[in-house]
């Protein structure tokens, strides 16, 4: 098994702490770097004996999907049967990979399995989610060993058999960032495969820059440019035939609620709204790839 850690301007201490837990759990770990400066990553690799940690620099920020695909190709070239995708701001439990692999091998038609994760800044774990009808079913693990069917798992901590990549295809690079994991999970379901959340596999993962509360729910707060991708890619996914209609309706409803929350709670509001509106406009136009300054015509 090969683990792929995608980085972009990482905090060295945090990344090194994550690697100390991750590297012993897999055969090889590759850091696929989206434009970090300096030689810190190579220094980290030197600290792990036996050539178990390697660095692949992309020379610039080419997007999380491109970095994942690079890692998937590396795993295939290494003869791996599975690839584990990780973000730089995640810390797996010492037995996370083992738990994911056990679940994966016990199931048929697996596209991906993912851990039950928590954000250290929030009071509870983030539930596994599944859209049924026009409602979102939220599954909380209660200290058991349940393996739950989900529509998708987040990319960080996602274990994928390479045989599933053969069926579904690679990550969609034109989305750049945000909803890459959602689109791939729904595409996998369209091809007859399934995604699962594994309660016994746990991980810490930080979402967004801060958190907002509305009607008893906690929502991650993101930068204006990240909001651009969220709203643009939501529109792009709703244009896809393999995304179920009920999923599209629920997804758009969630984005409208997020819009209302930002209007109500976030200050300064203008830069956030400007990027949301730009994202919606570009999604309708079918604009993909990295953000360009559409507000100024760039």
Protein backbone atom coordinates (compact mmCIF):
# COMPACT_ATOMS: atom_id res chain seq x y z
CA UNK A 1 0.00 0.00 0.00
CA UNK A 2 1.19 3.50 -0.87
CA UNK A 3 0.12 6.60 1.06
CA UNK A 4 -0.04 9.93 -0.78
CA UNK A 5 0.15 13.11 1.29
CA UNK A 6 -0.76 16.28 -0.61
CA UNK A 7 0.91 19.43 0.72
CA UNK A 8 0.74 23.13 0.00
CA UNK A 9 2.70 25.48 2.26
CA UNK A 10 2.61 23.04 5.20
CA UNK A 11 3.44 23.75 8.81
CA UNK A 12 6.60 21.64 9.24
CA UNK A 13 6.01 20.58 12.85
CA UNK A 14 2.43 19.53 12.21
CA UNK A 15 3.31 17.66 9.02
CA UNK A 16 6.20 15.85 10.68
CA UNK A 17 3.95 14.82 13.56
CA UNK A 18 1.44 13.39 11.11
CA UNK A 19 4.14 11.51 9.21
CA UNK A 20 5.47 9.89 12.37
CA UNK A 21 2.07 8.25 12.82
CA UNK A 22 1.37 7.52 9.14
CA UNK A 23 4.65 6.17 7.74
CA UNK A 24 4.79 3.02 9.95
CA UNK A 25 1.30 2.03 8.79
CA UNK A 26 2.02 1.75 5.05
CA UNK A 27 4.66 0.33 2.74
CA UNK A 28 5.65 3.67 1.22
CA UNK A 29 4.64 7.29 1.68
CA UNK A 30 4.92 9.94 -1.01
CA UNK A 31 4.57 13.66 -0.31
CA UNK A 32 3.14 15.23 -3.47
CA UNK A 33 3.86 18.91 -3.08
CA UNK A 34 1.86 21.73 -4.67
CA UNK A 35 4.49 24.46 -4.62
CA UNK A 36 5.92 24.61 -1.09
CA UNK A 37 9.12 26.69 -0.86
CA UNK A 38 12.50 25.54 0.49
CA UNK A 39 13.89 22.09 1.21
CA UNK A 40 12.00 21.30 4.43
CA UNK A 41 10.20 18.35 2.85
CA UNK A 42 13.41 16.70 1.71
CA UNK A 43 14.82 17.11 5.21
CA UNK A 44 11.75 15.32 6.59
CA UNK A 45 12.26 12.46 4.14
CA UNK A 46 15.86 12.04 5.30
CA UNK A 47 14.60 11.51 8.86
CA UNK A 48 12.80 8.27 7.88
CA UNK A 49 15.18 5.36 7.24
CA UNK A 50 14.75 2.70 4.59
CA UNK A 51 13.50 5.05 1.85
CA UNK A 52 9.92 4.79 3.12
CA UNK A 53 9.23 8.51 2.61
CA UNK A 54 9.69 10.26 -0.73
CA UNK A 55 8.92 13.71 -2.14
CA UNK A 56 7.45 14.54 -5.54
CA UNK A 57 7.41 18.28 -6.22
CA UNK A 58 4.98 19.61 -8.81
CA UNK A 59 6.61 23.02 -9.13
CA UNK A 60 3.46 24.99 -8.37
CA UNK A 61 -0.09 24.68 -7.11
CA UNK A 62 -1.77 22.50 -9.72
CA UNK A 63 -4.74 21.60 -7.52
CA UNK A 64 -5.51 18.80 -5.11
CA UNK A 65 -7.03 16.55 -7.78
CA UNK A 66 -3.89 16.74 -9.94
CA UNK A 67 -1.74 15.95 -6.90
CA UNK A 68 -3.95 12.97 -6.02
CA UNK A 69 -3.72 11.66 -9.56
CA UNK A 70 0.05 11.96 -9.48
CA UNK A 71 0.07 9.93 -6.29
CA UNK A 72 -2.29 7.33 -7.72
CA UNK A 73 0.03 6.87 -10.70
CA UNK A 74 3.01 6.52 -8.36
CA UNK A 75 1.16 3.85 -6.36
CA UNK A 76 0.37 1.96 -9.55
CA UNK A 77 3.98 2.16 -10.70
CA UNK A 78 5.09 0.77 -7.32
CA UNK A 79 2.82 -2.25 -7.79
CA UNK A 80 0.51 -1.27 -4.91
CA UNK A 81 -2.96 -2.78 -4.56
CA UNK A 82 -4.37 0.21 -2.63
CA UNK A 83 -3.66 3.92 -2.32
CA UNK A 84 -4.35 6.04 0.77
CA UNK A 85 -4.93 9.77 0.19
CA UNK A 86 -4.07 12.22 2.97
CA UNK A 87 -4.07 15.99 3.45
CA UNK A 88 -1.30 17.83 5.26
CA UNK A 89 -3.65 18.88 8.07
CA UNK A 90 -4.83 15.38 9.04
CA UNK A 91 -3.48 13.07 11.73
CA UNK A 92 -4.51 9.40 11.55
CA UNK A 93 -4.91 7.13 14.55
CA UNK A 94 -2.05 4.61 14.86
CA UNK A 95 -4.33 1.81 13.64
CA UNK A 96 -6.39 3.78 11.09
CA UNK A 97 -4.92 2.15 7.99
CA UNK A 98 -5.28 -1.36 9.40
CA UNK A 99 -8.94 -0.72 10.23
CA UNK A 100 -9.65 0.70 6.79
CA UNK A 101 -7.93 -2.18 5.03
CA UNK A 102 -9.79 -4.78 7.11
CA UNK A 103 -13.12 -3.20 6.17
CA UNK A 104 -12.13 -2.88 2.52
CA UNK A 105 -11.15 -6.53 2.24
CA UNK A 106 -14.35 -7.72 3.93
CA UNK A 107 -16.63 -5.91 1.46
CA UNK A 108 -17.58 -6.40 -2.18
CA UNK A 109 -17.74 -3.73 -4.86
CA UNK A 110 -15.74 -1.20 -2.83
CA UNK A 111 -14.86 2.15 -4.36
CA UNK A 112 -13.48 3.70 -1.17
CA UNK A 113 -13.50 3.48 2.60
CA UNK A 114 -12.91 6.41 4.92
CA UNK A 115 -12.37 7.10 8.64
CA UNK A 116 -14.62 8.64 11.26
CA UNK A 117 -12.90 11.99 11.75
CA UNK A 118 -13.08 14.90 14.12
CA UNK A 119 -11.92 18.50 13.99
CA UNK A 120 -10.03 19.23 17.23
CA UNK A 121 -11.69 22.67 17.36
CA UNK A 122 -15.20 21.21 17.40
CA UNK A 123 -16.98 19.36 20.22
CA UNK A 124 -18.09 16.27 18.28
CA UNK A 125 -17.05 14.03 15.41
CA UNK A 126 -18.23 14.85 11.92
CA UNK A 127 -20.95 12.35 10.98
CA UNK A 128 -20.98 10.16 7.92
CA UNK A 129 -23.64 11.41 5.53
CA UNK A 130 -25.95 9.88 2.99
CA UNK A 131 -28.62 11.58 0.88
CA UNK A 132 -31.90 9.68 0.81
CA UNK A 133 -34.83 11.30 -0.91
CA UNK A 134 -34.50 15.00 -0.18
CA UNK A 135 -33.02 14.50 3.28
CA UNK A 136 -29.49 14.09 4.57
CA UNK A 137 -29.06 11.12 6.89
CA UNK A 138 -26.27 11.72 9.39
CA UNK A 139 -24.64 8.67 10.96
CA UNK A 140 -22.73 9.04 14.23
CA UNK A 141 -20.58 6.16 15.43
CA UNK A 142 -21.34 5.06 19.00
CA UNK A 143 -18.15 3.27 19.92
CA UNK A 144 -18.98 0.29 17.72
CA UNK A 145 -17.37 -1.38 14.72
CA UNK A 146 -20.05 -0.44 12.19
CA UNK A 147 -19.21 -0.02 8.53
CA UNK A 148 -21.75 2.38 7.07
CA UNK A 149 -22.76 2.99 3.45
CA UNK A 150 -22.18 6.61 2.41
CA UNK A 151 -22.36 8.58 -0.81
CA UNK A 152 -18.73 9.61 -0.55
CA UNK A 153 -15.90 9.96 1.95
CA UNK A 154 -13.62 12.95 2.28
CA UNK A 155 -10.38 12.64 0.33
CA UNK A 156 -8.14 12.79 3.39
CA UNK A 157 -7.97 9.32 4.91
CA UNK A 158 -9.64 7.80 1.86
CA UNK A 159 -8.43 4.27 1.05
CA UNK A 160 -9.05 3.23 -2.56
CA UNK A 161 -8.32 -0.11 -4.23
CA UNK A 162 -6.54 0.61 -7.49
CA UNK A 163 -9.00 -1.79 -9.14
CA UNK A 164 -11.69 0.83 -8.40
CA UNK A 165 -9.65 3.50 -10.20
CA UNK A 166 -9.64 1.18 -13.23
CA UNK A 167 -13.46 1.23 -13.22
CA UNK A 168 -14.21 4.80 -12.11
CA UNK A 169 -11.24 6.73 -13.48
CA UNK A 170 -8.99 9.26 -11.77
CA UNK A 171 -9.95 12.40 -9.87
CA UNK A 172 -11.41 15.25 -11.88
CA UNK A 173 -8.59 17.76 -12.19
CA UNK A 174 -10.61 20.60 -13.69
CA UNK A 175 -12.40 21.06 -10.35
CA UNK A 176 -8.99 22.01 -8.89
CA UNK A 177 -10.12 21.87 -5.25
CA UNK A 178 -13.42 21.32 -3.40
CA UNK A 179 -15.99 18.67 -4.28
CA UNK A 180 -13.31 16.50 -5.92
CA UNK A 181 -14.07 13.74 -3.42
CA UNK A 182 -17.84 14.21 -3.76
CA UNK A 183 -17.73 13.99 -7.55
CA UNK A 184 -15.52 10.88 -7.53
CA UNK A 185 -17.69 9.13 -4.93
CA UNK A 186 -20.88 9.80 -6.87
CA UNK A 187 -19.21 8.73 -10.10
CA UNK A 188 -18.15 5.49 -8.42
CA UNK A 189 -21.75 4.83 -7.37
CA UNK A 190 -22.86 5.50 -10.93
CA UNK A 191 -20.48 2.70 -11.99
CA UNK A 192 -22.00 0.30 -9.46
CA UNK A 193 -19.38 0.56 -6.73
CA UNK A 194 -19.92 1.67 -3.13
CA UNK A 195 -18.32 3.95 -0.57
CA UNK A 196 -18.19 3.19 3.15
CA UNK A 197 -17.43 4.94 6.42
CA UNK A 198 -15.51 2.84 8.95
CA UNK A 199 -16.30 3.63 12.58
CA UNK A 200 -13.23 1.93 14.07
CA UNK A 201 -10.88 3.92 11.81
CA UNK A 202 -10.40 7.40 13.29
CA UNK A 203 -8.56 10.57 12.35
CA UNK A 204 -8.20 14.23 13.31
CA UNK A 205 -8.78 16.59 10.41
CA UNK A 206 -9.07 20.40 10.36
CA UNK A 207 -11.71 21.89 8.10
CA UNK A 208 -11.72 25.54 7.11
CA UNK A 209 -10.18 28.52 8.88
CA UNK A 210 -12.69 28.71 11.74
CA UNK A 211 -16.25 27.68 12.53
CA UNK A 212 -19.69 29.28 12.51
CA UNK A 213 -22.84 28.23 14.36
CA UNK A 214 -26.37 28.41 13.00
CA UNK A 215 -29.52 26.76 14.36
CA UNK A 216 -27.51 24.38 16.50
CA UNK A 217 -25.16 23.27 13.71
CA UNK A 218 -21.49 24.08 13.34
CA UNK A 219 -20.25 24.99 9.85
CA UNK A 220 -16.65 25.53 8.78
CA UNK A 221 -15.74 29.05 7.76
CA UNK A 222 -13.61 29.40 4.64
CA UNK A 223 -11.64 32.11 2.89
CA UNK A 224 -13.27 34.03 0.01
CA UNK A 225 -11.32 32.18 -2.69
CA UNK A 226 -12.26 28.81 -1.18
CA UNK A 227 -15.90 29.89 -1.31
CA UNK A 228 -15.45 30.58 -5.01
CA UNK A 229 -14.49 26.95 -5.59
CA UNK A 230 -17.26 25.61 -3.35
CA UNK A 231 -20.04 27.47 -5.12
CA UNK A 232 -18.60 27.12 -8.63
CA UNK A 233 -18.03 23.38 -8.26
CA UNK A 234 -21.48 22.86 -6.76
CA UNK A 235 -22.94 24.30 -9.95
CA UNK A 236 -20.58 22.22 -12.10
CA UNK A 237 -21.60 19.01 -10.34
CA UNK A 238 -25.25 19.83 -10.84
CA UNK A 239 -24.58 19.90 -14.58
CA UNK A 240 -23.37 16.28 -14.55
CA UNK A 241 -25.67 13.45 -15.65
CA UNK A 242 -24.16 10.94 -13.21
CA UNK A 243 -25.11 13.07 -10.19
CA UNK A 244 -28.62 12.00 -9.04
CA UNK A 245 -31.38 14.62 -9.21
CA UNK A 246 -32.20 14.38 -5.51
CA UNK A 247 -28.50 14.88 -4.72
CA UNK A 248 -28.44 18.01 -6.87
CA UNK A 249 -31.47 19.46 -5.09
CA UNK A 250 -30.08 18.74 -1.62
CA UNK A 251 -26.64 20.06 -2.60
CA UNK A 252 -28.07 23.34 -3.89
CA UNK A 253 -30.22 23.70 -0.77
CA UNK A 254 -27.11 23.31 1.40
CA UNK A 255 -25.27 25.96 -0.60
CA UNK A 256 -28.19 28.37 -0.22
CA UNK A 257 -28.10 27.82 3.55
CA UNK A 258 -24.36 28.45 3.55
CA UNK A 259 -24.92 31.67 1.61
CA UNK A 260 -27.48 32.80 4.19
CA UNK A 261 -25.12 31.95 7.04
CA UNK A 262 -22.31 34.04 5.57
CA UNK A 263 -24.66 36.98 5.00
CA UNK A 264 -25.79 36.75 8.60
CA UNK A 265 -22.57 36.03 10.45
CA UNK A 266 -19.43 36.88 8.48
CA UNK A 267 -17.75 40.28 8.51
CA UNK A 268 -16.32 41.83 6.39
CA UNK A 269 -19.01 40.47 4.10
CA UNK A 270 -18.23 42.08 0.75
CA UNK A 271 -15.16 39.99 -0.27
CA UNK A 272 -16.94 36.77 0.62
CA UNK A 273 -20.08 37.64 -1.34
CA UNK A 274 -18.04 38.83 -4.32
CA UNK A 275 -16.28 35.48 -4.57
CA UNK A 276 -19.48 33.49 -4.05
CA UNK A 277 -21.15 35.42 -6.86
CA UNK A 278 -18.11 34.94 -9.10
CA UNK A 279 -18.18 31.22 -8.38
CA UNK A 280 -21.88 30.90 -9.23
CA UNK A 281 -21.38 32.89 -12.43
CA UNK A 282 -18.41 30.77 -13.53
CA UNK A 283 -20.24 27.56 -12.64
CA UNK A 284 -23.14 28.56 -14.89
CA UNK A 285 -20.67 29.44 -17.65
CA UNK A 286 -18.86 26.13 -17.25
CA UNK A 287 -15.56 27.70 -16.23
CA UNK A 288 -13.17 25.15 -14.70
CA UNK A 289 -9.59 24.95 -13.45
CA UNK A 290 -7.72 27.32 -11.16
CA UNK A 291 -9.40 30.57 -10.12
CA UNK A 292 -8.81 33.49 -12.41
CA UNK A 293 -9.73 37.03 -11.44
CA UNK A 294 -13.11 37.01 -13.13
CA UNK A 295 -14.11 40.08 -11.09
CA UNK A 296 -11.64 42.10 -13.14
CA UNK A 297 -11.89 40.09 -16.31
CA UNK A 298 -8.47 38.45 -15.75
